[in-house]
Protein backbone atom coordinates (compact mmCIF):
# COMPACT_ATOMS: atom_id res chain seq x y z
CA MET A 1 -80.50 37.07 -67.24
CA SER A 2 -79.24 40.27 -68.55
CA GLU A 3 -75.68 41.05 -69.27
CA GLU A 4 -75.47 43.51 -66.44
CA THR A 5 -76.70 41.01 -63.86
CA LYS A 6 -74.22 38.43 -65.03
CA LYS A 7 -71.48 40.95 -64.83
CA GLU A 8 -72.45 42.02 -61.28
CA ASN A 9 -72.60 38.38 -60.14
CA ALA A 10 -69.19 37.74 -61.63
CA GLU A 11 -67.74 40.77 -59.86
CA SER A 12 -69.32 39.86 -56.53
CA GLN A 13 -67.92 36.35 -56.78
CA GLU A 14 -64.45 37.61 -57.60
CA THR A 15 -64.33 40.04 -54.70
CA PRO A 16 -64.61 37.45 -51.89
CA ASN A 17 -62.13 35.18 -53.58
CA THR A 18 -59.65 37.95 -54.01
CA ALA A 19 -60.02 39.02 -50.37
CA GLU A 20 -59.45 35.45 -49.23
CA GLU A 21 -56.54 35.09 -51.57
CA LYS A 22 -55.04 38.34 -50.30
CA ALA A 23 -55.42 37.23 -46.65
CA GLN A 24 -53.79 33.91 -47.44
CA GLU A 25 -50.98 35.64 -49.28
CA ASN A 26 -50.43 37.96 -46.28
CA ALA A 27 -50.33 34.97 -43.91
CA GLU A 28 -47.87 33.12 -46.12
CA GLN A 29 -45.72 36.22 -46.40
CA ALA A 30 -45.72 36.70 -42.61
CA ALA A 31 -44.85 33.03 -42.11
CA SER A 32 -42.05 33.23 -44.62
CA GLU A 33 -40.75 36.36 -42.90
CA GLU A 34 -40.84 34.53 -39.52
CA LYS A 35 -39.06 31.53 -40.98
CA THR A 36 -36.40 33.69 -42.47
CA VAL A 37 -34.20 34.35 -39.45
CA THR A 38 -30.93 36.05 -39.99
CA PRO A 39 -27.78 34.33 -38.79
CA GLU A 40 -27.18 37.16 -36.32
CA GLU A 41 -30.61 36.61 -34.77
CA LYS A 42 -30.01 32.87 -34.59
CA ILE A 43 -26.61 33.42 -32.89
CA LYS A 44 -28.19 35.84 -30.43
CA ASP A 45 -30.93 33.29 -29.62
CA LEU A 46 -28.41 30.47 -29.11
CA GLU A 47 -26.21 32.68 -26.91
CA SER A 48 -29.19 33.47 -24.69
CA GLN A 49 -29.97 29.74 -24.43
CA ILE A 50 -26.33 29.06 -23.49
CA GLU A 51 -26.47 31.77 -20.80
CA GLU A 52 -29.66 30.25 -19.37
CA LEU A 53 -28.07 26.79 -19.28
CA LYS A 54 -24.96 28.22 -17.58
CA LYS A 55 -27.15 29.82 -14.91
CA GLN A 56 -28.97 26.53 -14.34
CA MET A 57 -25.67 24.64 -14.12
CA LEU A 58 -24.22 27.12 -11.61
CA TYR A 59 -27.41 26.92 -9.55
CA LYS A 60 -27.27 23.10 -9.51
CA ALA A 61 -23.56 23.14 -8.63
CA ALA A 62 -24.18 25.55 -5.74
CA GLU A 63 -27.12 23.47 -4.56
CA ASN A 64 -24.96 20.33 -4.66
CA ASP A 65 -22.12 22.06 -2.80
CA ASN A 66 -24.53 23.27 -0.10
CA TRP A 67 -25.93 19.75 0.27
CA ARG A 68 -22.40 18.31 0.61
CA LYS A 69 -21.51 20.90 3.28
CA ARG A 70 -24.73 20.13 5.18
CA MET A 71 -23.96 16.40 5.12
CA MET A 72 -20.39 16.98 6.36
CA GLN A 73 -21.67 19.18 9.18
CA GLN A 74 -24.27 16.57 10.19
CA LYS A 75 -21.57 13.87 10.13
CA GLU A 76 -19.25 15.97 12.30
CA GLU A 77 -22.09 16.62 14.77
CA ALA A 78 -22.98 12.92 14.83
CA LEU A 79 -19.37 12.02 15.63
CA ALA A 80 -19.03 14.77 18.23
CA TYR A 81 -22.19 13.72 20.07
CA ALA A 82 -22.21 9.98 19.30
CA ASN A 83 -21.30 9.08 22.88
CA ALA A 84 -23.79 11.46 24.50
CA SER A 85 -26.25 8.67 25.31
CA LEU A 86 -23.54 6.42 26.80
CA LEU A 87 -22.05 9.24 28.84
CA SER A 88 -25.48 10.21 30.10
CA ASP A 89 -26.00 6.62 31.26
CA LEU A 90 -22.57 6.59 32.95
CA LEU A 91 -23.42 9.68 34.99
CA GLU A 92 -25.61 7.56 37.30
CA SER A 93 -22.64 5.30 38.06
CA LEU A 94 -20.43 8.34 38.67
CA ASP A 95 -23.02 9.69 41.08
CA ASN A 96 -23.05 6.33 42.88
CA PHE A 97 -19.25 6.41 43.13
CA ASP A 98 -19.43 9.91 44.61
CA ARG A 99 -21.94 8.70 47.22
CA THR A 100 -19.72 5.70 48.01
CA VAL A 101 -16.68 7.96 48.48
CA ASP A 102 -18.72 10.25 50.77
CA ALA A 103 -19.99 7.26 52.76
CA ALA A 104 -16.44 5.85 53.02
CA LYS A 105 -15.36 8.88 55.05
CA ASP A 106 -17.63 7.85 57.92
CA ALA A 107 -17.55 4.06 57.40
CA LYS A 108 -16.06 1.99 60.18
CA ASP A 109 -15.54 -1.26 58.20
CA ALA A 110 -14.22 -1.92 54.73
CA LYS A 111 -16.92 -4.48 53.93
CA THR A 112 -19.57 -1.76 53.65
CA ILE A 113 -17.43 0.15 51.16
CA ALA A 114 -16.62 -3.02 49.20
CA ASP A 115 -20.32 -3.91 49.04
CA GLY A 116 -21.12 -0.42 47.69
CA VAL A 117 -18.45 -0.70 45.01
CA LYS A 118 -19.71 -4.19 44.05
CA MET A 119 -23.26 -2.83 43.68
CA ILE A 120 -22.04 0.00 41.45
CA ASN A 121 -20.01 -2.46 39.36
CA LYS A 122 -22.99 -4.79 38.99
CA SER A 123 -25.37 -2.01 37.90
CA LEU A 124 -22.79 -0.55 35.50
CA VAL A 125 -22.08 -3.93 33.87
CA LYS A 126 -25.81 -4.68 33.58
CA MET A 127 -26.49 -1.32 31.92
CA LEU A 128 -23.63 -1.80 29.42
CA GLU A 129 -24.74 -5.34 28.59
CA ASP A 130 -28.47 -4.65 28.32
CA LYS A 131 -28.43 -1.26 26.65
CA TYR A 132 -25.23 -1.30 24.57
CA GLY A 133 -24.56 -4.98 23.83
CA LEU A 134 -21.22 -5.09 25.66
CA SER A 135 -20.18 -8.49 26.97
CA SER A 136 -17.08 -9.72 28.73
CA PHE A 137 -15.23 -12.99 28.20
CA GLY A 138 -12.25 -14.81 29.60
CA LYS A 139 -12.62 -16.85 32.80
CA GLU A 140 -10.12 -19.15 34.44
CA GLY A 141 -10.54 -22.67 33.10
CA ASP A 142 -11.87 -21.58 29.69
CA GLU A 143 -10.20 -23.09 26.65
CA PHE A 144 -7.52 -20.84 25.17
CA ASN A 145 -8.54 -19.26 21.87
CA PRO A 146 -5.92 -17.04 20.19
CA GLU A 147 -8.69 -15.12 18.41
CA LEU A 148 -10.14 -14.05 21.78
CA HIS A 149 -7.20 -14.21 24.19
CA GLU A 150 -3.78 -12.61 24.25
CA ALA A 151 -1.34 -14.92 26.00
CA ILE A 152 1.03 -13.02 28.28
CA GLY A 153 2.73 -16.20 29.45
CA ARG A 154 2.54 -19.99 29.43
CA THR A 155 2.85 -22.56 32.17
CA GLU A 156 3.28 -26.25 31.49
CA ASP A 157 1.13 -28.63 33.55
CA GLU A 158 1.22 -32.44 33.51
CA LYS A 159 -2.49 -32.63 34.32
CA ALA A 160 -3.55 -30.32 31.48
CA LYS A 161 -5.03 -32.05 28.44
CA LYS A 162 -5.46 -28.91 26.36
CA GLU A 163 -4.55 -25.24 26.55
CA THR A 164 -6.72 -23.48 29.13
CA LEU A 165 -6.72 -20.14 30.91
CA LEU A 166 -4.78 -20.39 34.14
CA GLN A 167 -5.18 -16.76 35.14
CA VAL A 168 -7.01 -13.77 33.63
CA TYR A 169 -5.20 -10.46 34.05
CA MET A 170 -7.68 -8.38 32.04
CA LYS A 171 -11.06 -9.54 30.78
CA GLY A 172 -11.82 -9.28 27.10
CA TYR A 173 -14.83 -7.40 25.79
CA LYS A 174 -17.09 -7.69 22.76
CA LEU A 175 -19.46 -5.07 21.44
CA HIS A 176 -22.20 -7.24 19.94
CA ASP A 177 -20.06 -9.65 17.86
CA ARG A 178 -16.95 -7.47 17.45
CA ILE A 179 -14.01 -7.85 19.82
CA ILE A 180 -13.02 -4.47 21.19
CA ARG A 181 -10.41 -5.81 23.62
CA HIS A 182 -8.73 -9.21 23.81
CA ALA A 183 -8.45 -10.87 27.21
CA LYS A 184 -4.89 -10.82 28.60
CA VAL A 185 -4.25 -14.25 30.12
CA MET A 186 -1.75 -16.75 31.46
CA VAL A 187 -2.16 -20.05 29.60
CA ARG A 188 -1.83 -23.55 31.07
CA VAL A 189 -0.46 -25.91 28.41
CA PRO A 190 0.06 -29.70 28.45
CA LYS A 191 3.61 -30.67 29.37
CA SER A 192 5.60 -31.74 26.36
CA ASN A 193 7.54 -34.99 26.75
């Protein structure tokens, strides 16, 4: 090979290498420029992140407050209308009482009126027991239980072997297993010697 050819080959080989080297140098310089962030730029970036976090926090706080208000409103509505079903069921008994009062105006004997009132009472008690779990307790002759009965008075009796209910002034009521009213009773107690 001649000297000129060798020289041309050497130049052609140097040119691509130099172009690659220059591109790499430019990339490294750009990367170093990107990595070199001034403190002012860093502060500005952090402040914008803080502002974004503040906005998110305020949004979450407002969302939480709205949820709390919704729950309170639903609770208030539930309390205000909790008895709607019971009252709706009682309307039938009220209607029956109205009919009984109207019929009493023309009734000639009291037995007819008493029978009407007994029927209303029976249907009302059945509805409260079946639908709402209300039950009554306290009958004459039952054993006295201070957890269920409120003694209004006591009468000693020689024949009594244990404390029993002599008279029931007001029945007691349970809602499921919870006592909502104690029975008011007169208690028969064994005579003390």
